C-alpha atoms as a PDB file:
ATOM      1  CA  MET A   1      -4.658  -2.259  14.529  1.00  0.00           C
ATOM      2  CA  GLY A   2      -8.000  -1.516  16.089  1.00  0.00           C
ATOM      3  CA  ALA A   3     -11.367  -3.114  15.404  1.00  0.00           C
ATOM      4  CA  HIS A   4     -11.652  -5.315  12.335  1.00  0.00           C
ATOM      5  CA  ALA A   5     -12.441  -3.260   9.267  1.00  0.00           C
ATOM      6  CA  THR A   6     -15.243  -4.430   7.034  1.00  0.00           C
ATOM      7  CA  GLN A   7     -14.348  -2.245   4.033  1.00  0.00           C
ATOM      8  CA  PRO A   8     -10.939  -1.740   2.359  1.00  0.00           C
ATOM      9  CA  VAL A   9     -10.992   2.018   2.970  1.00  0.00           C
ATOM     10  CA  GLU A  10     -11.599   1.452   6.699  1.00  0.00           C
ATOM     11  CA  LEU A  11      -8.583  -0.829   6.880  1.00  0.00           C
ATOM     12  CA  LEU A  12      -6.429   1.628   4.936  1.00  0.00           C
ATOM     13  CA  ASP A  13      -7.566   4.393   7.295  1.00  0.00           C
ATOM     14  CA  GLN A  14      -6.504   2.286  10.278  1.00  0.00           C
ATOM     15  CA  LEU A  15      -2.981   2.062   8.844  1.00  0.00           C
ATOM     16  CA  ARG A  16      -2.715   5.832   9.289  1.00  0.00           C
ATOM     17  CA  ASP A  17      -2.893   5.277  13.058  1.00  0.00           C
ATOM     18  CA  LEU A  18       0.670   3.965  12.835  1.00  0.00           C
ATOM     19  CA  PRO A  19       3.187   6.767  13.551  1.00  0.00           C
ATOM     20  CA  GLY A  20       4.739   7.996  10.310  1.00  0.00           C
ATOM     21  CA  VAL A  21       2.141   6.469   7.956  1.00  0.00           C
ATOM     22  CA  LEU A  22       0.648   9.174   5.744  1.00  0.00           C
ATOM     23  CA  GLY A  23      -1.787   7.006   3.822  1.00  0.00           C
ATOM     24  CA  ALA A  24      -2.296   3.904   1.732  1.00  0.00           C
ATOM     25  CA  PHE A  25      -3.949   2.628  -1.406  1.00  0.00           C
ATOM     26  CA  VAL A  26      -4.621  -0.677  -3.166  1.00  0.00           C
ATOM     27  CA  VAL A  27      -3.824  -1.183  -6.849  1.00  0.00           C
ATOM     28  CA  SER A  28      -4.824  -4.105  -9.050  1.00  0.00           C
ATOM     29  CA  ASN A  29      -2.104  -5.896 -11.007  1.00  0.00           C
ATOM     30  CA  GLU A  30      -3.575  -4.162 -14.080  1.00  0.00           C
ATOM     31  CA  GLY A  31      -3.100  -0.681 -12.587  1.00  0.00           C
ATOM     32  CA  ALA A  32      -6.640   0.111 -11.429  1.00  0.00           C
ATOM     33  CA  LEU A  33      -6.986   2.056  -8.186  1.00  0.00           C
ATOM     34  CA  LEU A  34      -9.198  -0.178  -6.012  1.00  0.00           C
ATOM     35  CA  ALA A  35      -9.236   1.778  -2.736  1.00  0.00           C
ATOM     36  CA  GLN A  36      -7.398   4.672  -1.124  1.00  0.00           C
ATOM     37  CA  ALA A  37      -7.012   6.526   2.146  1.00  0.00           C
ATOM     38  CA  LEU A  38      -4.548   9.325   1.420  1.00  0.00           C
ATOM     39  CA  PRO A  39      -4.272  12.909   2.640  1.00  0.00           C
ATOM     40  CA  PRO A  40      -5.658  15.489   0.185  1.00  0.00           C
ATOM     41  CA  GLU A  41      -2.217  16.596  -1.004  1.00  0.00           C
ATOM     42  CA  HIS A  42      -1.481  13.045  -2.258  1.00  0.00           C
ATOM     43  CA  ALA A  43      -4.954  11.714  -3.106  1.00  0.00           C
ATOM     44  CA  GLY A  44      -5.091  13.413  -6.490  1.00  0.00           C
ATOM     45  CA  ARG A  45      -1.986  11.560  -7.671  1.00  0.00           C
ATOM     46  CA  ALA A  46      -3.146   8.085  -6.654  1.00  0.00           C
ATOM     47  CA  SER A  47      -4.806   7.197  -9.976  1.00  0.00           C
ATOM     48  CA  THR A  48      -1.730   8.206 -11.968  1.00  0.00           C
ATOM     49  CA  ALA A  49       0.548   6.308  -9.608  1.00  0.00           C
ATOM     50  CA  ALA A  50      -1.730   3.271  -9.747  1.00  0.00           C
ATOM     51  CA  GLN A  51      -1.367   3.082 -13.522  1.00  0.00           C
ATOM     52  CA  ARG A  52       2.432   3.167 -13.306  1.00  0.00           C
ATOM     53  CA  LEU A  53       3.098   0.997 -10.260  1.00  0.00           C
ATOM     54  CA  PRO A  54       2.470  -2.421 -11.883  1.00  0.00           C
ATOM     55  CA  LEU A  55       5.047  -1.603 -14.560  1.00  0.00           C
ATOM     56  CA  LEU A  56       7.533  -0.509 -11.916  1.00  0.00           C
ATOM     57  CA  VAL A  57       6.939  -3.636  -9.827  1.00  0.00           C
ATOM     58  CA  ASP A  58       7.446  -5.863 -12.896  1.00  0.00           C
ATOM     59  CA  ALA A  59      10.674  -4.060 -13.763  1.00  0.00           C
ATOM     60  CA  LEU A  60      12.029  -4.331 -10.218  1.00  0.00           C
ATOM     61  CA  ALA A  61      11.044  -7.984  -9.835  1.00  0.00           C
ATOM     62  CA  GLN A  62      12.886  -8.948 -13.035  1.00  0.00           C
ATOM     63  CA  GLY A  63      10.747 -12.044 -13.507  1.00  0.00           C
ATOM     64  CA  HIS A  64      10.892 -13.191  -9.869  1.00  0.00           C
ATOM     65  CA  LYS A  65       7.952 -13.419  -7.478  1.00  0.00           C
ATOM     66  CA  VAL A  66       8.520 -10.720  -4.877  1.00  0.00           C
ATOM     67  CA  GLN A  67       6.394 -10.132  -1.782  1.00  0.00           C
ATOM     68  CA  SER A  68       7.377  -6.529  -1.090  1.00  0.00           C
ATOM     69  CA  PHE A  69       9.406  -3.505  -2.169  1.00  0.00           C
ATOM     70  CA  SER A  70      10.438  -0.295  -0.475  1.00  0.00           C
ATOM     71  CA  LEU A  71      11.067   2.813  -2.566  1.00  0.00           C
ATOM     72  CA  ARG A  72      12.703   5.837  -0.993  1.00  0.00           C
ATOM     73  CA  PHE A  73      12.052   9.355  -2.188  1.00  0.00           C
ATOM     74  CA  ALA A  74      13.444  12.664  -0.891  1.00  0.00           C
ATOM     75  CA  GLU A  75      10.963  12.970   1.997  1.00  0.00           C
ATOM     76  CA  HIS A  76       8.937   9.746   1.887  1.00  0.00           C
ATOM     77  CA  ARG A  77       9.002   5.993   1.418  1.00  0.00           C
ATOM     78  CA  LEU A  78       6.538   3.926  -0.531  1.00  0.00           C
ATOM     79  CA  TYR A  79       6.127   0.357   0.673  1.00  0.00           C
ATOM     80  CA  LEU A  80       4.547  -2.080  -1.765  1.00  0.00           C
ATOM     81  CA  GLN A  81       3.250  -5.447  -0.614  1.00  0.00           C
ATOM     82  CA  SER A  82       1.836  -8.132  -2.903  1.00  0.00           C
ATOM     83  CA  LEU A  83      -1.747  -9.273  -2.469  1.00  0.00           C
ATOM     84  CA  GLU A  84      -3.663 -11.812  -4.543  1.00  0.00           C
ATOM     85  CA  GLY A  85      -4.274  -9.978  -7.846  1.00  0.00           C
ATOM     86  CA  ALA A  86      -3.275  -6.610  -6.395  1.00  0.00           C
ATOM     87  CA  PHE A  87      -0.833  -4.888  -4.116  1.00  0.00           C
ATOM     88  CA  LEU A  88      -0.946  -2.594  -1.138  1.00  0.00           C
ATOM     89  CA  ALA A  89       0.985   0.686  -1.337  1.00  0.00           C
ATOM     90  CA  VAL A  90       1.737   2.582   1.878  1.00  0.00           C
ATOM     91  CA  LEU A  91       3.195   6.096   1.874  1.00  0.00           C
ATOM     92  CA  THR A  92       5.269   6.913   4.962  1.00  0.00           C
ATOM     93  CA  GLU A  93       7.570   9.520   6.388  1.00  0.00           C
ATOM     94  CA  LEU A  94      11.228   8.500   6.502  1.00  0.00           C
ATOM     95  CA  THR A  95      11.003   8.242  10.299  1.00  0.00           C
ATOM     96  CA  CYS A  96       8.355   5.489  10.229  1.00  0.00           C
ATOM     97  CA  ASP A  97       9.330   2.393  12.238  1.00  0.00           C
ATOM     98  CA  THR A  98      10.061  -0.137   9.479  1.00  0.00           C
ATOM     99  CA  ILE A  99       9.796  -3.243  11.668  1.00  0.00           C
ATOM    100  CA  LEU A 100       6.435  -2.215  13.120  1.00  0.00           C
ATOM    101  CA  LEU A 101       5.192  -1.272   9.655  1.00  0.00           C
ATOM    102  CA  LYS A 102       6.163  -4.635   8.154  1.00  0.00           C
ATOM    103  CA  MET A 103       4.432  -6.536  10.950  1.00  0.00           C
ATOM    104  CA  THR A 104       1.317  -4.400  10.508  1.00  0.00           C
ATOM    105  CA  LEU A 105       1.372  -4.853   6.724  1.00  0.00           C
ATOM    106  CA  ASN A 106       1.440  -8.625   7.099  1.00  0.00           C
ATOM    107  CA  ILE A 107      -1.801  -8.460   9.087  1.00  0.00           C
ATOM    108  CA  ALA A 108      -3.345  -5.782   6.878  1.00  0.00           C
ATOM    109  CA  GLY A 109      -2.408  -7.704   3.734  1.00  0.00           C
ATOM    110  CA  ARG A 110      -4.237 -10.816   4.918  1.00  0.00           C
ATOM    111  CA  ARG A 111      -7.323  -8.778   5.808  1.00  0.00           C
ATOM    112  CA  LEU A 112      -7.247  -6.828   2.548  1.00  0.00           C
ATOM    113  CA  ALA A 113      -6.937  -9.994   0.497  1.00  0.00           C
ATOM    114  CA  CYS A 114     -10.329 -11.008   1.920  1.00  0.00           C
ATOM    115  CA  LEU A 115     -11.896  -7.573   1.349  1.00  0.00           C
ATOM    116  CA  VAL A 116     -10.539  -6.599  -2.079  1.00  0.00           C
ATOM    117  CA  GLN A 117     -11.518  -8.524  -5.149  1.00  0.00           C
ATOM    118  CA  PRO A 118      -9.842  -6.880  -8.174  1.00  0.00           C
END
């Protein structure tokens, strides 16, 4: 990742420099959309997704504390990573390098935790 971002949207934008990453957004544990950097064709759906994602994460976790999830759709993957009081959602193409993405998300998650206060 390039220069240190000082705003959540800047950091989310930097994630799109990774090959295969289409965009990202941050959602509070209550379902509020806190920040987003998505292409226009997906940006309009972010608020609706944000409201539903906490329920989905709770259902998938089944009462356990989970750091991350990966959901596969027909043409995309959605990676969810826990933050303090929120989580980071990253939309990727199926061809995205998973190992590189996970390493990048660990760094981005630490930076976002300092920038985003839900």
